[in-house]
Amino acid sequence: NLASLKVLVIDDQEFVRTIVKKMLSQIGLGTVLEAHDGNSGLEQVIREAPDLVICDIQMRPVDGFGFVRQLRDTPGIDHTPVIMLTAHTDAATIARAKELKISAFLAKPVLPPALKEKIINV
């Protein structure tokens, strides 16, 4: 049941967060939280304990990989599933993601059916 889920969207571009939030509500997701970088994202996960995080890779000052590394090193929230949003699906990026136990990749531009499928599978 997607309506019962709480999802955190982390992206440094406000319009991307807005688009992803809109899509999440279109597919019936309950609560959607936002953060603008890895640091504020980690604070949100600690405070709000979302069921899932959707995170961009390229952000400043802390990128998506930095965020996930901190997340995996924080007891109590280290198991939180993460879907990475990225325009880069090259082998090196995917290998790095696997090391950090990233649950899934979603290539930009994101479409609602693909987003829903990833969330259900994670």
PDB file of N, CA and C in Angstrom:
ATOM      1  N   ASN A   1       0.844  -1.192   0.000  1.00  0.00           N
ATOM      2  CA  ASN A   1       0.000   0.000   0.000  1.00  0.00           C
ATOM      3  C   ASN A   1       0.885   1.249   0.000  1.00  0.00           C
ATOM      4  N   LEU A   2       0.947   1.923  -1.122  1.00  0.00           N
ATOM      5  CA  LEU A   2       1.807   3.090  -1.266  1.00  0.00           C
ATOM      6  C   LEU A   2       1.355   4.270  -0.414  1.00  0.00           C
ATOM      7  N   ALA A   3       0.064   4.347  -0.120  1.00  0.00           N
ATOM      8  CA  ALA A   3      -0.466   5.480   0.654  1.00  0.00           C
ATOM      9  C   ALA A   3       0.104   5.533   2.067  1.00  0.00           C
ATOM     10  N   SER A   4       0.544   4.405   2.576  1.00  0.00           N
ATOM     11  CA  SER A   4       1.069   4.369   3.941  1.00  0.00           C
ATOM     12  C   SER A   4       2.568   4.675   4.014  1.00  0.00           C
ATOM     13  N   LEU A   5       3.212   4.820   2.859  1.00  0.00           N
ATOM     14  CA  LEU A   5       4.653   5.045   2.837  1.00  0.00           C
ATOM     15  C   LEU A   5       5.033   6.503   3.063  1.00  0.00           C
ATOM     16  N   LYS A   6       6.195   6.686   3.698  1.00  0.00           N
ATOM     17  CA  LYS A   6       6.802   8.001   3.862  1.00  0.00           C
ATOM     18  C   LYS A   6       8.102   7.987   3.074  1.00  0.00           C
ATOM     19  N   VAL A   7       8.232   8.908   2.115  1.00  0.00           N
ATOM     20  CA  VAL A   7       9.395   8.947   1.233  1.00  0.00           C
ATOM     21  C   VAL A   7      10.087  10.302   1.340  1.00  0.00           C
ATOM     22  N   LEU A   8      11.426  10.261   1.379  1.00  0.00           N
ATOM     23  CA  LEU A   8      12.229  11.472   1.372  1.00  0.00           C
ATOM     24  C   LEU A   8      12.866  11.627   0.000  1.00  0.00           C
ATOM     25  N   VAL A   9      12.683  12.808  -0.608  1.00  0.00           N
ATOM     26  CA  VAL A   9      13.290  13.121  -1.904  1.00  0.00           C
ATOM     27  C   VAL A   9      14.445  14.096  -1.658  1.00  0.00           C
ATOM     28  N   ILE A  10      15.662  13.697  -2.059  1.00  0.00           N
ATOM     29  CA  ILE A  10      16.837  14.560  -1.885  1.00  0.00           C
ATOM     30  C   ILE A  10      17.377  14.935  -3.253  1.00  0.00           C
ATOM     31  N   ASP A  11      17.332  16.229  -3.562  1.00  0.00           N
ATOM     32  CA  ASP A  11      17.883  16.741  -4.814  1.00  0.00           C
ATOM     33  C   ASP A  11      18.186  18.212  -4.602  1.00  0.00           C
ATOM     34  N   ASP A  12      19.301  18.687  -5.134  1.00  0.00           N
ATOM     35  CA  ASP A  12      19.655  20.094  -4.938  1.00  0.00           C
ATOM     36  C   ASP A  12      18.896  21.031  -5.874  1.00  0.00           C
ATOM     37  N   GLN A  13      18.162  20.482  -6.814  1.00  0.00           N
ATOM     38  CA  GLN A  13      17.373  21.310  -7.727  1.00  0.00           C
ATOM     39  C   GLN A  13      15.904  21.251  -7.315  1.00  0.00           C
ATOM     40  N   GLU A  14      15.377  22.409  -6.927  1.00  0.00           N
ATOM     41  CA  GLU A  14      14.008  22.463  -6.426  1.00  0.00           C
ATOM     42  C   GLU A  14      12.985  21.959  -7.445  1.00  0.00           C
ATOM     43  N   PHE A  15      13.182  22.300  -8.731  1.00  0.00           N
ATOM     44  CA  PHE A  15      12.202  21.856  -9.729  1.00  0.00           C
ATOM     45  C   PHE A  15      12.186  20.339  -9.861  1.00  0.00           C
ATOM     46  N   VAL A  16      13.329  19.680  -9.698  1.00  0.00           N
ATOM     47  CA  VAL A  16      13.373  18.214  -9.750  1.00  0.00           C
ATOM     48  C   VAL A  16      12.602  17.643  -8.553  1.00  0.00           C
ATOM     49  N   ARG A  17      12.832  18.213  -7.354  1.00  0.00           N
ATOM     50  CA  ARG A  17      12.085  17.749  -6.176  1.00  0.00           C
ATOM     51  C   ARG A  17      10.586  17.914  -6.386  1.00  0.00           C
ATOM     52  N   THR A  18      10.194  19.056  -6.947  1.00  0.00           N
ATOM     53  CA  THR A  18       8.774  19.331  -7.186  1.00  0.00           C
ATOM     54  C   THR A  18       8.174  18.317  -8.155  1.00  0.00           C
ATOM     55  N   ILE A  19       8.890  18.018  -9.243  1.00  0.00           N
ATOM     56  CA  ILE A  19       8.403  17.051 -10.234  1.00  0.00           C
ATOM     57  C   ILE A  19       8.274  15.661  -9.614  1.00  0.00           C
ATOM     58  N   VAL A  20       9.305  15.230  -8.872  1.00  0.00           N
ATOM     59  CA  VAL A  20       9.267  13.899  -8.255  1.00  0.00           C
ATOM     60  C   VAL A  20       8.146  13.834  -7.213  1.00  0.00           C
ATOM     61  N   LYS A  21       7.982  14.893  -6.417  1.00  0.00           N
ATOM     62  CA  LYS A  21       6.885  14.935  -5.433  1.00  0.00           C
ATOM     63  C   LYS A  21       5.521  14.792  -6.115  1.00  0.00           C
ATOM     64  N   LYS A  22       5.351  15.508  -7.228  1.00  0.00           N
ATOM     65  CA  LYS A  22       4.089  15.463  -7.973  1.00  0.00           C
ATOM     66  C   LYS A  22       3.825  14.039  -8.480  1.00  0.00           C
ATOM     67  N   MET A  23       4.876  13.409  -9.001  1.00  0.00           N
ATOM     68  CA  MET A  23       4.734  12.038  -9.501  1.00  0.00           C
ATOM     69  C   MET A  23       4.389  11.083  -8.362  1.00  0.00           C
ATOM     70  N   LEU A  24       5.040  11.260  -7.225  1.00  0.00           N
ATOM     71  CA  LEU A  24       4.776  10.385  -6.084  1.00  0.00           C
ATOM     72  C   LEU A  24       3.321  10.508  -5.638  1.00  0.00           C
ATOM     73  N   SER A  25       2.795  11.730  -5.634  1.00  0.00           N
ATOM     74  CA  SER A  25       1.393  11.868  -5.243  1.00  0.00           C
ATOM     75  C   SER A  25       0.467  11.300  -6.315  1.00  0.00           C
ATOM     76  N   GLN A  26       0.860  11.408  -7.598  1.00  0.00           N
ATOM     77  CA  GLN A  26       0.071  10.833  -8.697  1.00  0.00           C
ATOM     78  C   GLN A  26      -0.055   9.318  -8.565  1.00  0.00           C
ATOM     79  N   ILE A  27       1.012   8.665  -8.096  1.00  0.00           N
ATOM     80  CA  ILE A  27       0.962   7.204  -7.983  1.00  0.00           C
ATOM     81  C   ILE A  27       0.429   6.757  -6.617  1.00  0.00           C
ATOM     82  N   GLY A  28      -0.044   7.721  -5.818  1.00  0.00           N
ATOM     83  CA  GLY A  28      -0.748   7.379  -4.586  1.00  0.00           C
ATOM     84  C   GLY A  28       0.095   7.299  -3.330  1.00  0.00           C
ATOM     85  N   LEU A  29       1.291   7.915  -3.379  1.00  0.00           N
ATOM     86  CA  LEU A  29       2.153   7.868  -2.201  1.00  0.00           C
ATOM     87  C   LEU A  29       1.650   8.799  -1.106  1.00  0.00           C
ATOM     88  N   GLY A  30       1.789   8.356   0.132  1.00  0.00           N
ATOM     89  CA  GLY A  30       1.280   9.119   1.278  1.00  0.00           C
ATOM     90  C   GLY A  30       2.064  10.376   1.585  1.00  0.00           C
ATOM     91  N   THR A  31       3.128  10.273   2.363  1.00  0.00           N
ATOM     92  CA  THR A  31       3.884  11.427   2.833  1.00  0.00           C
ATOM     93  C   THR A  31       5.177  11.571   2.051  1.00  0.00           C
ATOM     94  N   VAL A  32       5.436  12.785   1.555  1.00  0.00           N
ATOM     95  CA  VAL A  32       6.673  13.052   0.828  1.00  0.00           C
ATOM     96  C   VAL A  32       7.410  14.197   1.513  1.00  0.00           C
ATOM     97  N   LEU A  33       8.638  13.906   1.933  1.00  0.00           N
ATOM     98  CA  LEU A  33       9.500  14.900   2.561  1.00  0.00           C
ATOM     99  C   LEU A  33      10.563  15.323   1.557  1.00  0.00           C
ATOM    100  N   GLU A  34      11.192  16.488   1.798  1.00  0.00           N
ATOM    101  CA  GLU A  34      12.211  16.982   0.874  1.00  0.00           C
ATOM    102  C   GLU A  34      13.473  17.400   1.613  1.00  0.00           C
ATOM    103  N   ALA A  35      14.606  17.269   0.931  1.00  0.00           N
ATOM    104  CA  ALA A  35      15.875  17.806   1.411  1.00  0.00           C
ATOM    105  C   ALA A  35      16.662  18.269   0.194  1.00  0.00           C
ATOM    106  N   HIS A  36      17.520  19.286   0.385  1.00  0.00           N
ATOM    107  CA  HIS A  36      18.235  19.892  -0.750  1.00  0.00           C
ATOM    108  C   HIS A  36      19.665  19.407  -0.921  1.00  0.00           C
ATOM    109  N   ASP A  37      20.184  18.610   0.036  1.00  0.00           N
ATOM    110  CA  ASP A  37      21.513  18.017  -0.140  1.00  0.00           C
ATOM    111  C   ASP A  37      21.674  16.847   0.820  1.00  0.00           C
ATOM    112  N   GLY A  38      22.835  16.186   0.730  1.00  0.00           N
ATOM    113  CA  GLY A  38      23.070  15.003   1.544  1.00  0.00           C
ATOM    114  C   GLY A  38      23.035  15.259   3.040  1.00  0.00           C
ATOM    115  N   ASN A  39      23.563  16.407   3.475  1.00  0.00           N
ATOM    116  CA  ASN A  39      23.565  16.708   4.911  1.00  0.00           C
ATOM    117  C   ASN A  39      22.154  16.884   5.463  1.00  0.00           C
ATOM    118  N   SER A  40      21.355  17.717   4.796  1.00  0.00           N
ATOM    119  CA  SER A  40      19.986  17.931   5.273  1.00  0.00           C
ATOM    120  C   SER A  40      19.163  16.654   5.097  1.00  0.00           C
ATOM    121  N   GLY A  41      19.510  15.861   4.093  1.00  0.00           N
ATOM    122  CA  GLY A  41      18.834  14.578   3.886  1.00  0.00           C
ATOM    123  C   GLY A  41      19.065  13.630   5.043  1.00  0.00           C
ATOM    124  N   LEU A  42      20.320  13.552   5.502  1.00  0.00           N
ATOM    125  CA  LEU A  42      20.637  12.675   6.625  1.00  0.00           C
ATOM    126  C   LEU A  42      19.898  13.120   7.885  1.00  0.00           C
ATOM    127  N   GLU A  43      19.849  14.428   8.114  1.00  0.00           N
ATOM    128  CA  GLU A  43      19.107  14.960   9.268  1.00  0.00           C
ATOM    129  C   GLU A  43      17.639  14.554   9.195  1.00  0.00           C
ATOM    130  N   GLN A  44      17.051  14.651   8.002  1.00  0.00           N
ATOM    131  CA  GLN A  44      15.644  14.264   7.805  1.00  0.00           C
ATOM    132  C   GLN A  44      15.427  12.776   8.089  1.00  0.00           C
ATOM    133  N   VAL A  45      16.345  11.926   7.615  1.00  0.00           N
ATOM    134  CA  VAL A  45      16.197  10.485   7.840  1.00  0.00           C
ATOM    135  C   VAL A  45      16.260  10.187   9.333  1.00  0.00           C
ATOM    136  N   ILE A  46      17.192  10.819  10.039  1.00  0.00           N
ATOM    137  CA  ILE A  46      17.310  10.613  11.484  1.00  0.00           C
ATOM    138  C   ILE A  46      16.027  11.065  12.190  1.00  0.00           C
ATOM    139  N   ARG A  47      15.508  12.228  11.797  1.00  0.00           N
ATOM    140  CA  ARG A  47      14.334  12.813  12.465  1.00  0.00           C
ATOM    141  C   ARG A  47      13.018  12.130  12.071  1.00  0.00           C
ATOM    142  N   GLU A  48      12.867  11.812  10.771  1.00  0.00           N
ATOM    143  CA  GLU A  48      11.565  11.369  10.261  1.00  0.00           C
ATOM    144  C   GLU A  48      11.455   9.869   9.981  1.00  0.00           C
ATOM    145  N   ALA A  49      12.587   9.166   9.907  1.00  0.00           N
ATOM    146  CA  ALA A  49      12.605   7.719   9.619  1.00  0.00           C
ATOM    147  C   ALA A  49      11.718   7.337   8.428  1.00  0.00           C
ATOM    148  N   PRO A  50      12.024   7.861   7.223  1.00  0.00           N
ATOM    149  CA  PRO A  50      11.210   7.508   6.053  1.00  0.00           C
ATOM    150  C   PRO A  50      11.373   6.030   5.682  1.00  0.00           C
ATOM    151  N   ASP A  51      10.381   5.508   4.966  1.00  0.00           N
ATOM    152  CA  ASP A  51      10.424   4.120   4.507  1.00  0.00           C
ATOM    153  C   ASP A  51      11.386   3.957   3.338  1.00  0.00           C
ATOM    154  N   LEU A  52      11.633   5.053   2.625  1.00  0.00           N
ATOM    155  CA  LEU A  52      12.426   5.015   1.402  1.00  0.00           C
ATOM    156  C   LEU A  52      13.009   6.399   1.137  1.00  0.00           C
ATOM    157  N   VAL A  53      14.205   6.432   0.557  1.00  0.00           N
ATOM    158  CA  VAL A  53      14.818   7.689   0.137  1.00  0.00           C
ATOM    159  C   VAL A  53      15.051   7.635  -1.367  1.00  0.00           C
ATOM    160  N   ILE A  54      14.655   8.700  -2.062  1.00  0.00           N
ATOM    161  CA  ILE A  54      14.952   8.856  -3.483  1.00  0.00           C
ATOM    162  C   ILE A  54      15.951  10.004  -3.560  1.00  0.00           C
ATOM    163  N   CYS A  55      17.155   9.712  -4.075  1.00  0.00           N
ATOM    164  CA  CYS A  55      18.258  10.655  -3.945  1.00  0.00           C
ATOM    165  C   CYS A  55      18.998  10.858  -5.259  1.00  0.00           C
ATOM    166  N   ASP A  56      19.290  12.114  -5.578  1.00  0.00           N
ATOM    167  CA  ASP A  56      20.115  12.444  -6.736  1.00  0.00           C
ATOM    168  C   ASP A  56      21.567  12.101  -6.415  1.00  0.00           C
ATOM    169  N   ILE A  57      22.369  11.803  -7.425  1.00  0.00           N
ATOM    170  CA  ILE A  57      23.791  11.539  -7.184  1.00  0.00           C
ATOM    171  C   ILE A  57      24.568  12.850  -7.156  1.00  0.00           C
ATOM    172  N   GLN A  58      24.357  13.708  -8.152  1.00  0.00           N
ATOM    173  CA  GLN A  58      25.171  14.922  -8.268  1.00  0.00           C
ATOM    174  C   GLN A  58      24.556  16.082  -7.504  1.00  0.00           C
ATOM    175  N   MET A  59      25.101  16.328  -6.295  1.00  0.00           N
ATOM    176  CA  MET A  59      24.670  17.446  -5.456  1.00  0.00           C
ATOM    177  C   MET A  59      25.901  18.003  -4.765  1.00  0.00           C
ATOM    178  N   ARG A  60      25.780  19.229  -4.282  1.00  0.00           N
ATOM    179  CA  ARG A  60      26.826  19.844  -3.478  1.00  0.00           C
ATOM    180  C   ARG A  60      26.218  20.347  -2.191  1.00  0.00           C
ATOM    181  N   PRO A  61      26.900  20.409  -1.069  1.00  0.00           N
ATOM    182  CA  PRO A  61      28.285  19.982  -0.861  1.00  0.00           C
ATOM    183  C   PRO A  61      28.425  18.465  -0.698  1.00  0.00           C
ATOM    184  N   VAL A  62      27.382  17.772  -0.255  1.00  0.00           N
ATOM    185  CA  VAL A  62      27.473  16.315  -0.084  1.00  0.00           C
ATOM    186  C   VAL A  62      26.661  15.653  -1.191  1.00  0.00           C
ATOM    187  N   ASP A  63      27.312  14.842  -2.029  1.00  0.00           N
ATOM    188  CA  ASP A  63      26.611  14.189  -3.141  1.00  0.00           C
ATOM    189  C   ASP A  63      25.835  12.961  -2.664  1.00  0.00           C
ATOM    190  N   GLY A  64      25.155  12.336  -3.585  1.00  0.00           N
ATOM    191  CA  GLY A  64      24.326  11.173  -3.247  1.00  0.00           C
ATOM    192  C   GLY A  64      25.111  10.029  -2.644  1.00  0.00           C
ATOM    193  N   PHE A  65      26.299   9.764  -3.180  1.00  0.00           N
ATOM    194  CA  PHE A  65      27.119   8.682  -2.629  1.00  0.00           C
ATOM    195  C   PHE A  65      27.585   9.016  -1.211  1.00  0.00           C
ATOM    196  N   GLY A  66      27.958  10.280  -0.991  1.00  0.00           N
ATOM    197  CA  GLY A  66      28.365  10.714   0.350  1.00  0.00           C
ATOM    198  C   GLY A  66      27.232  10.551   1.338  1.00  0.00           C
ATOM    199  N   PHE A  67      26.017  10.916   0.902  1.00  0.00           N
ATOM    200  CA  PHE A  67      24.835  10.750   1.745  1.00  0.00           C
ATOM    201  C   PHE A  67      24.631   9.284   2.115  1.00  0.00           C
ATOM    202  N   VAL A  68      24.679   8.399   1.119  1.00  0.00           N
ATOM    203  CA  VAL A  68      24.433   6.976   1.368  1.00  0.00           C
ATOM    204  C   VAL A  68      25.522   6.390   2.265  1.00  0.00           C
ATOM    205  N   ARG A  69      26.769   6.816   2.062  1.00  0.00           N
ATOM    206  CA  ARG A  69      27.864   6.340   2.917  1.00  0.00           C
ATOM    207  C   ARG A  69      27.584   6.702   4.383  1.00  0.00           C
ATOM    208  N   GLN A  70      27.174   7.961   4.630  1.00  0.00           N
ATOM    209  CA  GLN A  70      26.842   8.401   5.994  1.00  0.00           C
ATOM    210  C   GLN A  70      25.644   7.624   6.531  1.00  0.00           C
ATOM    211  N   LEU A  71      24.654   7.420   5.681  1.00  0.00           N
ATOM    212  CA  LEU A  71      23.451   6.683   6.067  1.00  0.00           C
ATOM    213  C   LEU A  71      23.811   5.264   6.499  1.00  0.00           C
ATOM    214  N   ARG A  72      24.624   4.578   5.697  1.00  0.00           N
ATOM    215  CA  ARG A  72      25.005   3.187   5.993  1.00  0.00           C
ATOM    216  C   ARG A  72      25.874   3.081   7.253  1.00  0.00           C
ATOM    217  N   ASP A  73      26.523   4.194   7.640  1.00  0.00           N
ATOM    218  CA  ASP A  73      27.363   4.207   8.843  1.00  0.00           C
ATOM    219  C   ASP A  73      26.613   4.653  10.093  1.00  0.00           C
ATOM    220  N   THR A  74      25.307   4.925   9.975  1.00  0.00           N
ATOM    221  CA  THR A  74      24.528   5.417  11.108  1.00  0.00           C
ATOM    222  C   THR A  74      23.607   4.319  11.623  1.00  0.00           C
ATOM    223  N   PRO A  75      23.907   3.764  12.808  1.00  0.00           N
ATOM    224  CA  PRO A  75      23.076   2.691  13.363  1.00  0.00           C
ATOM    225  C   PRO A  75      21.612   3.121  13.506  1.00  0.00           C
ATOM    226  N   GLY A  76      20.725   2.186  13.227  1.00  0.00           N
ATOM    227  CA  GLY A  76      19.294   2.460  13.353  1.00  0.00           C
ATOM    228  C   GLY A  76      18.639   2.879  12.050  1.00  0.00           C
ATOM    229  N   ILE A  77      19.400   3.553  11.177  1.00  0.00           N
ATOM    230  CA  ILE A  77      18.843   3.977   9.881  1.00  0.00           C
ATOM    231  C   ILE A  77      19.647   3.400   8.727  1.00  0.00           C
ATOM    232  N   ASP A  78      20.669   2.615   9.024  1.00  0.00           N
ATOM    233  CA  ASP A  78      21.584   2.096   8.005  1.00  0.00           C
ATOM    234  C   ASP A  78      20.921   1.156   6.999  1.00  0.00           C
ATOM    235  N   HIS A  79      19.761   0.633   7.333  1.00  0.00           N
ATOM    236  CA  HIS A  79      19.037  -0.297   6.455  1.00  0.00           C
ATOM    237  C   HIS A  79      18.048   0.408   5.520  1.00  0.00           C
ATOM    238  N   THR A  80      17.901   1.744   5.633  1.00  0.00           N
ATOM    239  CA  THR A  80      16.913   2.486   4.848  1.00  0.00           C
ATOM    240  C   THR A  80      17.146   2.281   3.353  1.00  0.00           C
ATOM    241  N   PRO A  81      16.112   1.829   2.612  1.00  0.00           N
ATOM    242  CA  PRO A  81      16.265   1.636   1.161  1.00  0.00           C
ATOM    243  C   PRO A  81      16.476   2.972   0.439  1.00  0.00           C
ATOM    244  N   VAL A  82      17.339   2.957  -0.575  1.00  0.00           N
ATOM    245  CA  VAL A  82      17.641   4.168  -1.349  1.00  0.00           C
ATOM    246  C   VAL A  82      17.512   3.868  -2.832  1.00  0.00           C
ATOM    247  N   ILE A  83      16.750   4.720  -3.530  1.00  0.00           N
ATOM    248  CA  ILE A  83      16.697   4.686  -4.995  1.00  0.00           C
ATOM    249  C   ILE A  83      17.480   5.906  -5.466  1.00  0.00           C
ATOM    250  N   MET A  84      18.502   5.681  -6.294  1.00  0.00           N
ATOM    251  CA  MET A  84      19.302   6.783  -6.815  1.00  0.00           C
ATOM    252  C   MET A  84      18.719   7.292  -8.120  1.00  0.00           C
ATOM    253  N   LEU A  85      18.553   8.614  -8.200  1.00  0.00           N
ATOM    254  CA  LEU A  85      18.131   9.286  -9.417  1.00  0.00           C
ATOM    255  C   LEU A  85      19.394   9.737 -10.123  1.00  0.00           C
ATOM    256  N   THR A  86      19.553   9.388 -11.374  1.00  0.00           N
ATOM    257  CA  THR A  86      20.779   9.788 -12.036  1.00  0.00           C
ATOM    258  C   THR A  86      20.646   9.834 -13.546  1.00  0.00           C
ATOM    259  N   ALA A  87      21.464  10.681 -14.132  1.00  0.00           N
ATOM    260  CA  ALA A  87      21.581  10.686 -15.591  1.00  0.00           C
ATOM    261  C   ALA A  87      22.740   9.775 -15.992  1.00  0.00           C
ATOM    262  N   HIS A  88      23.500   9.305 -14.979  1.00  0.00           N
ATOM    263  CA  HIS A  88      24.700   8.496 -15.231  1.00  0.00           C
ATOM    264  C   HIS A  88      24.468   7.039 -14.826  1.00  0.00           C
ATOM    265  N   THR A  89      24.335   6.159 -15.800  1.00  0.00           N
ATOM    266  CA  THR A  89      24.166   4.740 -15.486  1.00  0.00           C
ATOM    267  C   THR A  89      25.341   3.940 -16.040  1.00  0.00           C
ATOM    268  N   ASP A  90      26.532   4.555 -15.991  1.00  0.00           N
ATOM    269  CA  ASP A  90      27.736   3.868 -16.466  1.00  0.00           C
ATOM    270  C   ASP A  90      28.158   2.793 -15.469  1.00  0.00           C
ATOM    271  N   ALA A  91      29.008   1.881 -15.891  1.00  0.00           N
ATOM    272  CA  ALA A  91      29.414   0.730 -15.078  1.00  0.00           C
ATOM    273  C   ALA A  91      30.073   1.145 -13.767  1.00  0.00           C
ATOM    274  N   ALA A  92      30.905   2.190 -13.788  1.00  0.00           N
ATOM    275  CA  ALA A  92      31.602   2.634 -12.572  1.00  0.00           C
ATOM    276  C   ALA A  92      30.606   3.151 -11.535  1.00  0.00           C
ATOM    277  N   THR A  93      29.622   3.913 -11.982  1.00  0.00           N
ATOM    278  CA  THR A  93      28.604   4.451 -11.073  1.00  0.00           C
ATOM    279  C   THR A  93      27.787   3.314 -10.468  1.00  0.00           C
ATOM    280  N   ILE A  94      27.401   2.355 -11.297  1.00  0.00           N
ATOM    281  CA  ILE A  94      26.604   1.220 -10.819  1.00  0.00           C
ATOM    282  C   ILE A  94      27.417   0.372  -9.843  1.00  0.00           C
ATOM    283  N   ALA A  95      28.693   0.170 -10.117  1.00  0.00           N
ATOM    284  CA  ALA A  95      29.550  -0.612  -9.213  1.00  0.00           C
ATOM    285  C   ALA A  95      29.665   0.079  -7.860  1.00  0.00           C
ATOM    286  N   ARG A  96      29.842   1.389  -7.874  1.00  0.00           N
ATOM    287  CA  ARG A  96      29.938   2.158  -6.626  1.00  0.00           C
ATOM    288  C   ARG A  96      28.634   2.064  -5.837  1.00  0.00           C
ATOM    289  N   ALA A  97      27.526   2.117  -6.541  1.00  0.00           N
ATOM    290  CA  ALA A  97      26.215   2.025  -5.905  1.00  0.00           C
ATOM    291  C   ALA A  97      26.015   0.667  -5.238  1.00  0.00           C
ATOM    292  N   LYS A  98      26.451  -0.393  -5.892  1.00  0.00           N
ATOM    293  CA  LYS A  98      26.310  -1.740  -5.327  1.00  0.00           C
ATOM    294  C   LYS A  98      27.111  -1.877  -4.036  1.00  0.00           C
ATOM    295  N   GLU A  99      28.310  -1.281  -4.007  1.00  0.00           N
ATOM    296  CA  GLU A  99      29.131  -1.298  -2.794  1.00  0.00           C
ATOM    297  C   GLU A  99      28.396  -0.668  -1.618  1.00  0.00           C
ATOM    298  N   LEU A 100      27.614   0.365  -1.903  1.00  0.00           N
ATOM    299  CA  LEU A 100      26.890   1.103  -0.858  1.00  0.00           C
ATOM    300  C   LEU A 100      25.484   0.537  -0.608  1.00  0.00           C
ATOM    301  N   LYS A 101      25.193  -0.615  -1.213  1.00  0.00           N
ATOM    302  CA  LYS A 101      23.891  -1.282  -1.049  1.00  0.00           C
ATOM    303  C   LYS A 101      22.717  -0.372  -1.435  1.00  0.00           C
ATOM    304  N   ILE A 102      22.867   0.290  -2.583  1.00  0.00           N
ATOM    305  CA  ILE A 102      21.772   1.109  -3.102  1.00  0.00           C
ATOM    306  C   ILE A 102      20.754   0.153  -3.725  1.00  0.00           C
ATOM    307  N   SER A 103      19.494   0.358  -3.371  1.00  0.00           N
ATOM    308  CA  SER A 103      18.433  -0.583  -3.732  1.00  0.00           C
ATOM    309  C   SER A 103      18.100  -0.595  -5.218  1.00  0.00           C
ATOM    310  N   ALA A 104      18.121   0.584  -5.869  1.00  0.00           N
ATOM    311  CA  ALA A 104      17.730   0.656  -7.273  1.00  0.00           C
ATOM    312  C   ALA A 104      18.212   1.961  -7.892  1.00  0.00           C
ATOM    313  N   PHE A 105      18.259   1.966  -9.230  1.00  0.00           N
ATOM    314  CA  PHE A 105      18.591   3.156 -10.004  1.00  0.00           C
ATOM    315  C   PHE A 105      17.378   3.593 -10.777  1.00  0.00           C
ATOM    316  N   LEU A 106      17.219   4.884 -10.939  1.00  0.00           N
ATOM    317  CA  LEU A 106      16.166   5.420 -11.773  1.00  0.00           C
ATOM    318  C   LEU A 106      16.807   6.483 -12.656  1.00  0.00           C
ATOM    319  N   ALA A 107      16.784   6.261 -13.971  1.00  0.00           N
ATOM    320  CA  ALA A 107      17.418   7.203 -14.891  1.00  0.00           C
ATOM    321  C   ALA A 107      16.529   8.428 -15.081  1.00  0.00           C
ATOM    322  N   LYS A 108      17.179   9.600 -15.144  1.00  0.00           N
ATOM    323  CA  LYS A 108      16.455  10.830 -15.466  1.00  0.00           C
ATOM    324  C   LYS A 108      16.329  10.909 -16.978  1.00  0.00           C
ATOM    325  N   PRO A 109      15.260  11.428 -17.548  1.00  0.00           N
ATOM    326  CA  PRO A 109      14.077  11.935 -16.858  1.00  0.00           C
ATOM    327  C   PRO A 109      13.198  10.797 -16.322  1.00  0.00           C
ATOM    328  N   VAL A 110      12.621  11.033 -15.179  1.00  0.00           N
ATOM    329  CA  VAL A 110      11.819  10.019 -14.493  1.00  0.00           C
ATOM    330  C   VAL A 110      10.380  10.054 -15.012  1.00  0.00           C
ATOM    331  N   LEU A 111       9.805   8.866 -15.177  1.00  0.00           N
ATOM    332  CA  LEU A 111       8.401   8.768 -15.581  1.00  0.00           C
ATOM    333  C   LEU A 111       7.625   8.048 -14.484  1.00  0.00           C
ATOM    334  N   PRO A 112       6.376   8.452 -14.212  1.00  0.00           N
ATOM    335  CA  PRO A 112       5.605   7.852 -13.113  1.00  0.00           C
ATOM    336  C   PRO A 112       5.532   6.321 -13.108  1.00  0.00           C
ATOM    337  N   PRO A 113       5.295   5.643 -14.254  1.00  0.00           N
ATOM    338  CA  PRO A 113       5.216   4.182 -14.193  1.00  0.00           C
ATOM    339  C   PRO A 113       6.525   3.534 -13.710  1.00  0.00           C
ATOM    340  N   ALA A 114       7.658   4.066 -14.176  1.00  0.00           N
ATOM    341  CA  ALA A 114       8.958   3.521 -13.767  1.00  0.00           C
ATOM    342  C   ALA A 114       9.199   3.788 -12.288  1.00  0.00           C
ATOM    343  N   LEU A 115       8.815   4.962 -11.824  1.00  0.00           N
ATOM    344  CA  LEU A 115       8.975   5.329 -10.421  1.00  0.00           C
ATOM    345  C   LEU A 115       8.154   4.400  -9.533  1.00  0.00           C
ATOM    346  N   LYS A 116       6.910   4.176  -9.928  1.00  0.00           N
ATOM    347  CA  LYS A 116       6.029   3.286  -9.156  1.00  0.00           C
ATOM    348  C   LYS A 116       6.596   1.862  -9.107  1.00  0.00           C
ATOM    349  N   GLU A 117       7.061   1.374 -10.243  1.00  0.00           N
ATOM    350  CA  GLU A 117       7.604   0.013 -10.318  1.00  0.00           C
ATOM    351  C   GLU A 117       8.819  -0.140  -9.397  1.00  0.00           C
ATOM    352  N   LYS A 118       9.730   0.848  -9.399  1.00  0.00           N
ATOM    353  CA  LYS A 118      10.920   0.788  -8.538  1.00  0.00           C
ATOM    354  C   LYS A 118      10.519   0.776  -7.071  1.00  0.00           C
ATOM    355  N   ILE A 119       9.560   1.630  -6.687  1.00  0.00           N
ATOM    356  CA  ILE A 119       9.132   1.709  -5.290  1.00  0.00           C
ATOM    357  C   ILE A 119       8.518   0.377  -4.845  1.00  0.00           C
ATOM    358  N   ILE A 120       7.685  -0.205  -5.681  1.00  0.00           N
ATOM    359  CA  ILE A 120       7.053  -1.483  -5.342  1.00  0.00           C
ATOM    360  C   ILE A 120       8.107  -2.585  -5.202  1.00  0.00           C
ATOM    361  N   ASN A 121       9.096  -2.587  -6.103  1.00  0.00           N
ATOM    362  CA  ASN A 121      10.139  -3.613  -6.061  1.00  0.00           C
ATOM    363  C   ASN A 121      11.114  -3.455  -4.906  1.00  0.00           C
ATOM    364  N   VAL A 122      11.290  -2.239  -4.412  1.00  0.00           N
ATOM    365  CA  VAL A 122      12.204  -1.985  -3.302  1.00  0.00           C
ATOM    366  C   VAL A 122      11.478  -2.303  -2.015  1.00  0.00           C
TER     367      VAL A 122
END
